[in-house]
Amino acid sequence: MSIIVDAGGLSCPQPVLMTLNKIKEIKKGKIIIKVDSNTSKENVSRAAQSQGWDIDIQEQETGYQLTIKKE
């Protein structure tokens, strides 16, 4: 089961803070983050990578879905 962080409609830094809080909470695994702006996509990507998480980005009609993983 994946954890989903729905940050659609929120402006930075809120999506980044939500993502970092979830990363601290679970330490490893898989998190799906939904954002609706390019800025949020870039900032969340950088934050996740800085914590050692791998990231996959998919563009969707309503924005972006970022899947981050850490073993």
PDB file of N, CA and C in Angstrom:
ATOM      1  N   MET A   1       0.839  -1.189   0.000  1.00  0.00           N
ATOM      2  CA  MET A   1       0.000   0.000   0.000  1.00  0.00           C
ATOM      3  C   MET A   1       0.879   1.246   0.000  1.00  0.00           C
ATOM      4  N   SER A   2       0.570   2.161  -0.869  1.00  0.00           N
ATOM      5  CA  SER A   2       1.330   3.402  -0.967  1.00  0.00           C
ATOM      6  C   SER A   2       0.672   4.505  -0.145  1.00  0.00           C
ATOM      7  N   ILE A   3       1.509   5.364   0.367  1.00  0.00           N
ATOM      8  CA  ILE A   3       1.030   6.537   1.079  1.00  0.00           C
ATOM      9  C   ILE A   3       0.877   7.650   0.050  1.00  0.00           C
ATOM     10  N   ILE A   4      -0.236   8.375   0.113  1.00  0.00           N
ATOM     11  CA  ILE A   4      -0.481   9.454  -0.841  1.00  0.00           C
ATOM     12  C   ILE A   4      -0.501  10.785  -0.113  1.00  0.00           C
ATOM     13  N   VAL A   5       0.268  11.742  -0.652  1.00  0.00           N
ATOM     14  CA  VAL A   5       0.267  13.110  -0.159  1.00  0.00           C
ATOM     15  C   VAL A   5      -0.360  13.951  -1.262  1.00  0.00           C
ATOM     16  N   ASP A   6      -1.563  14.450  -1.024  1.00  0.00           N
ATOM     17  CA  ASP A   6      -2.249  15.258  -2.027  1.00  0.00           C
ATOM     18  C   ASP A   6      -2.012  16.732  -1.716  1.00  0.00           C
ATOM     19  N   ALA A   7      -1.069  17.328  -2.455  1.00  0.00           N
ATOM     20  CA  ALA A   7      -0.723  18.728  -2.254  1.00  0.00           C
ATOM     21  C   ALA A   7      -1.245  19.591  -3.400  1.00  0.00           C
ATOM     22  N   GLY A   8      -2.199  19.073  -4.155  1.00  0.00           N
ATOM     23  CA  GLY A   8      -2.798  19.834  -5.244  1.00  0.00           C
ATOM     24  C   GLY A   8      -3.487  21.084  -4.711  1.00  0.00           C
ATOM     25  N   GLY A   9      -3.286  22.197  -5.393  1.00  0.00           N
ATOM     26  CA  GLY A   9      -3.908  23.442  -4.982  1.00  0.00           C
ATOM     27  C   GLY A   9      -3.130  24.204  -3.918  1.00  0.00           C
ATOM     28  N   LEU A  10      -2.051  23.618  -3.427  1.00  0.00           N
ATOM     29  CA  LEU A  10      -1.243  24.282  -2.399  1.00  0.00           C
ATOM     30  C   LEU A  10      -0.002  24.892  -3.035  1.00  0.00           C
ATOM     31  N   SER A  11       0.415  26.027  -2.512  1.00  0.00           N
ATOM     32  CA  SER A  11       1.625  26.658  -3.050  1.00  0.00           C
ATOM     33  C   SER A  11       2.801  26.382  -2.121  1.00  0.00           C
ATOM     34  N   CYS A  12       3.990  26.480  -2.684  1.00  0.00           N
ATOM     35  CA  CYS A  12       5.204  26.226  -1.916  1.00  0.00           C
ATOM     36  C   CYS A  12       5.325  27.256  -0.807  1.00  0.00           C
ATOM     37  N   PRO A  13       5.836  26.844   0.325  1.00  0.00           N
ATOM     38  CA  PRO A  13       6.551  25.599   0.611  1.00  0.00           C
ATOM     39  C   PRO A  13       5.679  24.467   1.148  1.00  0.00           C
ATOM     40  N   GLN A  14       4.366  24.624   1.160  1.00  0.00           N
ATOM     41  CA  GLN A  14       3.505  23.618   1.787  1.00  0.00           C
ATOM     42  C   GLN A  14       3.683  22.202   1.221  1.00  0.00           C
ATOM     43  N   PRO A  15       3.716  21.992  -0.120  1.00  0.00           N
ATOM     44  CA  PRO A  15       3.929  20.628  -0.612  1.00  0.00           C
ATOM     45  C   PRO A  15       5.265  20.021  -0.156  1.00  0.00           C
ATOM     46  N   VAL A  16       6.298  20.856  -0.089  1.00  0.00           N
ATOM     47  CA  VAL A  16       7.610  20.381   0.362  1.00  0.00           C
ATOM     48  C   VAL A  16       7.543  19.981   1.834  1.00  0.00           C
ATOM     49  N   LEU A  17       6.930  20.811   2.650  1.00  0.00           N
ATOM     50  CA  LEU A  17       6.830  20.512   4.083  1.00  0.00           C
ATOM     51  C   LEU A  17       6.008  19.250   4.328  1.00  0.00           C
ATOM     52  N   MET A  18       4.908  19.083   3.585  1.00  0.00           N
ATOM     53  CA  MET A  18       4.094  17.875   3.725  1.00  0.00           C
ATOM     54  C   MET A  18       4.902  16.634   3.358  1.00  0.00           C
ATOM     55  N   THR A  19       5.683  16.737   2.280  1.00  0.00           N
ATOM     56  CA  THR A  19       6.506  15.612   1.836  1.00  0.00           C
ATOM     57  C   THR A  19       7.584  15.287   2.860  1.00  0.00           C
ATOM     58  N   LEU A  20       8.290  16.305   3.334  1.00  0.00           N
ATOM     59  CA  LEU A  20       9.351  16.070   4.315  1.00  0.00           C
ATOM     60  C   LEU A  20       8.802  15.488   5.620  1.00  0.00           C
ATOM     61  N   ASN A  21       7.629  15.931   6.035  1.00  0.00           N
ATOM     62  CA  ASN A  21       7.012  15.374   7.242  1.00  0.00           C
ATOM     63  C   ASN A  21       6.704  13.889   7.061  1.00  0.00           C
ATOM     64  N   LYS A  22       6.197  13.517   5.885  1.00  0.00           N
ATOM     65  CA  LYS A  22       5.871  12.115   5.618  1.00  0.00           C
ATOM     66  C   LYS A  22       7.150  11.278   5.539  1.00  0.00           C
ATOM     67  N   ILE A  23       8.213  11.842   4.936  1.00  0.00           N
ATOM     68  CA  ILE A  23       9.502  11.150   4.856  1.00  0.00           C
ATOM     69  C   ILE A  23      10.025  10.862   6.268  1.00  0.00           C
ATOM     70  N   LYS A  24       9.949  11.852   7.152  1.00  0.00           N
ATOM     71  CA  LYS A  24      10.411  11.663   8.530  1.00  0.00           C
ATOM     72  C   LYS A  24       9.569  10.628   9.255  1.00  0.00           C
ATOM     73  N   GLU A  25       8.291  10.577   8.924  1.00  0.00           N
ATOM     74  CA  GLU A  25       7.373   9.662   9.588  1.00  0.00           C
ATOM     75  C   GLU A  25       7.632   8.202   9.206  1.00  0.00           C
ATOM     76  N   ILE A  26       7.853   7.933   7.917  1.00  0.00           N
ATOM     77  CA  ILE A  26       7.964   6.529   7.507  1.00  0.00           C
ATOM     78  C   ILE A  26       9.403   6.047   7.279  1.00  0.00           C
ATOM     79  N   LYS A  27      10.363   6.956   7.121  1.00  0.00           N
ATOM     80  CA  LYS A  27      11.792   6.640   6.957  1.00  0.00           C
ATOM     81  C   LYS A  27      12.143   5.936   5.640  1.00  0.00           C
ATOM     82  N   LYS A  28      11.353   4.926   5.217  1.00  0.00           N
ATOM     83  CA  LYS A  28      11.598   4.249   3.946  1.00  0.00           C
ATOM     84  C   LYS A  28      10.293   3.678   3.434  1.00  0.00           C
ATOM     85  N   GLY A  29      10.279   3.343   2.144  1.00  0.00           N
ATOM     86  CA  GLY A  29       9.067   2.818   1.525  1.00  0.00           C
ATOM     87  C   GLY A  29       8.739   3.588   0.264  1.00  0.00           C
ATOM     88  N   LYS A  30       7.449   3.805   0.040  1.00  0.00           N
ATOM     89  CA  LYS A  30       6.982   4.464  -1.184  1.00  0.00           C
ATOM     90  C   LYS A  30       5.924   5.499  -0.834  1.00  0.00           C
ATOM     91  N   ILE A  31       6.094   6.699  -1.387  1.00  0.00           N
ATOM     92  CA  ILE A  31       5.144   7.787  -1.172  1.00  0.00           C
ATOM     93  C   ILE A  31       4.781   8.365  -2.544  1.00  0.00           C
ATOM     94  N   ILE A  32       3.496   8.586  -2.770  1.00  0.00           N
ATOM     95  CA  ILE A  32       3.029   9.238  -3.985  1.00  0.00           C
ATOM     96  C   ILE A  32       2.599  10.650  -3.601  1.00  0.00           C
ATOM     97  N   ILE A  33       3.167  11.638  -4.287  1.00  0.00           N
ATOM     98  CA  ILE A  33       2.857  13.034  -4.024  1.00  0.00           C
ATOM     99  C   ILE A  33       2.187  13.622  -5.249  1.00  0.00           C
ATOM    100  N   LYS A  34       1.044  14.263  -5.049  1.00  0.00           N
ATOM    101  CA  LYS A  34       0.328  14.897  -6.152  1.00  0.00           C
ATOM    102  C   LYS A  34       0.436  16.411  -5.998  1.00  0.00           C
ATOM    103  N   VAL A  35       0.950  17.059  -7.050  1.00  0.00           N
ATOM    104  CA  VAL A  35       1.075  18.514  -7.073  1.00  0.00           C
ATOM    105  C   VAL A  35       0.514  19.022  -8.394  1.00  0.00           C
ATOM    106  N   ASP A  36       0.188  20.324  -8.436  1.00  0.00           N
ATOM    107  CA  ASP A  36      -0.419  20.844  -9.655  1.00  0.00           C
ATOM    108  C   ASP A  36       0.362  21.989 -10.300  1.00  0.00           C
ATOM    109  N   SER A  37       1.607  22.195  -9.857  1.00  0.00           N
ATOM    110  CA  SER A  37       2.408  23.250 -10.488  1.00  0.00           C
ATOM    111  C   SER A  37       3.837  22.766 -10.725  1.00  0.00           C
ATOM    112  N   ASN A  38       4.456  23.347 -11.721  1.00  0.00           N
ATOM    113  CA  ASN A  38       5.838  23.003 -12.048  1.00  0.00           C
ATOM    114  C   ASN A  38       6.775  23.361 -10.897  1.00  0.00           C
ATOM    115  N   THR A  39       6.518  24.491 -10.255  1.00  0.00           N
ATOM    116  CA  THR A  39       7.353  24.923  -9.128  1.00  0.00           C
ATOM    117  C   THR A  39       7.299  23.898  -7.994  1.00  0.00           C
ATOM    118  N   SER A  40       6.104  23.455  -7.653  1.00  0.00           N
ATOM    119  CA  SER A  40       5.963  22.453  -6.590  1.00  0.00           C
ATOM    120  C   SER A  40       6.655  21.157  -6.980  1.00  0.00           C
ATOM    121  N   LYS A  41       6.502  20.754  -8.243  1.00  0.00           N
ATOM    122  CA  LYS A  41       7.154  19.524  -8.727  1.00  0.00           C
ATOM    123  C   LYS A  41       8.662  19.613  -8.538  1.00  0.00           C
ATOM    124  N   GLU A  42       9.249  20.723  -8.966  1.00  0.00           N
ATOM    125  CA  GLU A  42      10.702  20.896  -8.859  1.00  0.00           C
ATOM    126  C   GLU A  42      11.154  20.939  -7.403  1.00  0.00           C
ATOM    127  N   ASN A  43      10.449  21.679  -6.567  1.00  0.00           N
ATOM    128  CA  ASN A  43      10.851  21.832  -5.166  1.00  0.00           C
ATOM    129  C   ASN A  43      10.699  20.529  -4.373  1.00  0.00           C
ATOM    130  N   VAL A  44       9.611  19.802  -4.604  1.00  0.00           N
ATOM    131  CA  VAL A  44       9.411  18.529  -3.918  1.00  0.00           C
ATOM    132  C   VAL A  44      10.461  17.521  -4.384  1.00  0.00           C
ATOM    133  N   SER A  45      10.761  17.525  -5.680  1.00  0.00           N
ATOM    134  CA  SER A  45      11.782  16.621  -6.225  1.00  0.00           C
ATOM    135  C   SER A  45      13.128  16.854  -5.552  1.00  0.00           C
ATOM    136  N   ARG A  46      13.530  18.116  -5.474  1.00  0.00           N
ATOM    137  CA  ARG A  46      14.817  18.443  -4.843  1.00  0.00           C
ATOM    138  C   ARG A  46      14.840  18.044  -3.373  1.00  0.00           C
ATOM    139  N   ALA A  47      13.745  18.305  -2.679  1.00  0.00           N
ATOM    140  CA  ALA A  47      13.685  17.975  -1.247  1.00  0.00           C
ATOM    141  C   ALA A  47      13.799  16.465  -1.032  1.00  0.00           C
ATOM    142  N   ALA A  48      13.073  15.686  -1.832  1.00  0.00           N
ATOM    143  CA  ALA A  48      13.112  14.231  -1.686  1.00  0.00           C
ATOM    144  C   ALA A  48      14.497  13.684  -2.016  1.00  0.00           C
ATOM    145  N   GLN A  49      15.091  14.177  -3.094  1.00  0.00           N
ATOM    146  CA  GLN A  49      16.423  13.707  -3.481  1.00  0.00           C
ATOM    147  C   GLN A  49      17.461  14.079  -2.435  1.00  0.00           C
ATOM    148  N   SER A  50      17.307  15.230  -1.806  1.00  0.00           N
ATOM    149  CA  SER A  50      18.269  15.638  -0.774  1.00  0.00           C
ATOM    150  C   SER A  50      18.215  14.725   0.442  1.00  0.00           C
ATOM    151  N   GLN A  51      17.094  14.014   0.613  1.00  0.00           N
ATOM    152  CA  GLN A  51      16.937  13.065   1.717  1.00  0.00           C
ATOM    153  C   GLN A  51      17.301  11.643   1.307  1.00  0.00           C
ATOM    154  N   GLY A  52      17.777  11.473   0.058  1.00  0.00           N
ATOM    155  CA  GLY A  52      18.220  10.159  -0.399  1.00  0.00           C
ATOM    156  C   GLY A  52      17.133   9.299  -1.023  1.00  0.00           C
ATOM    157  N   TRP A  53      16.025   9.894  -1.422  1.00  0.00           N
ATOM    158  CA  TRP A  53      14.922   9.162  -2.015  1.00  0.00           C
ATOM    159  C   TRP A  53      15.036   9.200  -3.538  1.00  0.00           C
ATOM    160  N   ASP A  54      14.703   8.069  -4.185  1.00  0.00           N
ATOM    161  CA  ASP A  54      14.628   8.012  -5.647  1.00  0.00           C
ATOM    162  C   ASP A  54      13.273   8.555  -6.066  1.00  0.00           C
ATOM    163  N   ILE A  55      13.235   9.196  -7.230  1.00  0.00           N
ATOM    164  CA  ILE A  55      11.991   9.835  -7.647  1.00  0.00           C
ATOM    165  C   ILE A  55      11.639   9.513  -9.087  1.00  0.00           C
ATOM    166  N   ASP A  56      10.348   9.331  -9.325  1.00  0.00           N
ATOM    167  CA  ASP A  56       9.803   9.134 -10.667  1.00  0.00           C
ATOM    168  C   ASP A  56       8.667  10.140 -10.835  1.00  0.00           C
ATOM    169  N   ILE A  57       8.687  10.887 -11.938  1.00  0.00           N
ATOM    170  CA  ILE A  57       7.693  11.940 -12.166  1.00  0.00           C
ATOM    171  C   ILE A  57       6.841  11.589 -13.372  1.00  0.00           C
ATOM    172  N   GLN A  58       5.542  11.679 -13.188  1.00  0.00           N
ATOM    173  CA  GLN A  58       4.605  11.458 -14.287  1.00  0.00           C
ATOM    174  C   GLN A  58       3.716  12.690 -14.425  1.00  0.00           C
ATOM    175  N   GLU A  59       3.620  13.194 -15.662  1.00  0.00           N
ATOM    176  CA  GLU A  59       2.731  14.325 -15.908  1.00  0.00           C
ATOM    177  C   GLU A  59       1.318  13.793 -16.086  1.00  0.00           C
ATOM    178  N   GLN A  60       0.353  14.489 -15.482  1.00  0.00           N
ATOM    179  CA  GLN A  60      -1.051  14.099 -15.580  1.00  0.00           C
ATOM    180  C   GLN A  60      -1.872  15.309 -15.997  1.00  0.00           C
ATOM    181  N   GLU A  61      -3.131  15.093 -16.296  1.00  0.00           N
ATOM    182  CA  GLU A  61      -4.008  16.184 -16.723  1.00  0.00           C
ATOM    183  C   GLU A  61      -4.106  17.283 -15.676  1.00  0.00           C
ATOM    184  N   THR A  62      -4.101  16.904 -14.420  1.00  0.00           N
ATOM    185  CA  THR A  62      -4.287  17.867 -13.339  1.00  0.00           C
ATOM    186  C   THR A  62      -2.980  18.338 -12.714  1.00  0.00           C
ATOM    187  N   GLY A  63      -1.856  17.930 -13.253  1.00  0.00           N
ATOM    188  CA  GLY A  63      -0.573  18.333 -12.696  1.00  0.00           C
ATOM    189  C   GLY A  63       0.454  17.235 -12.813  1.00  0.00           C
ATOM    190  N   TYR A  64       1.063  16.886 -11.688  1.00  0.00           N
ATOM    191  CA  TYR A  64       2.133  15.892 -11.676  1.00  0.00           C
ATOM    192  C   TYR A  64       1.923  14.904 -10.540  1.00  0.00           C
ATOM    193  N   GLN A  65       2.351  13.672 -10.790  1.00  0.00           N
ATOM    194  CA  GLN A  65       2.386  12.667  -9.729  1.00  0.00           C
ATOM    195  C   GLN A  65       3.847  12.256  -9.551  1.00  0.00           C
ATOM    196  N   LEU A  66       4.361  12.487  -8.368  1.00  0.00           N
ATOM    197  CA  LEU A  66       5.736  12.140  -8.035  1.00  0.00           C
ATOM    198  C   LEU A  66       5.703  10.899  -7.153  1.00  0.00           C
ATOM    199  N   THR A  67       6.410   9.875  -7.551  1.00  0.00           N
ATOM    200  CA  THR A  67       6.517   8.671  -6.746  1.00  0.00           C
ATOM    201  C   THR A  67       7.935   8.610  -6.206  1.00  0.00           C
ATOM    202  N   ILE A  68       8.066   8.654  -4.890  1.00  0.00           N
ATOM    203  CA  ILE A  68       9.397   8.593  -4.296  1.00  0.00           C
ATOM    204  C   ILE A  68       9.527   7.279  -3.526  1.00  0.00           C
ATOM    205  N   LYS A  69      10.737   6.716  -3.594  1.00  0.00           N
ATOM    206  CA  LYS A  69      10.991   5.413  -2.963  1.00  0.00           C
ATOM    207  C   LYS A  69      12.327   5.423  -2.266  1.00  0.00           C
ATOM    208  N   LYS A  70      12.368   4.682  -1.173  1.00  0.00           N
ATOM    209  CA  LYS A  70      13.627   4.464  -0.459  1.00  0.00           C
ATOM    210  C   LYS A  70      13.572   3.098   0.184  1.00  0.00           C
ATOM    211  N   GLU A  71      14.591   2.286  -0.076  1.00  0.00           N
ATOM    212  CA  GLU A  71      14.636   0.928   0.491  1.00  0.00           C
ATOM    213  C   GLU A  71      15.255   0.955   1.868  1.00  0.00           C
TER     214      GLU A  71
END
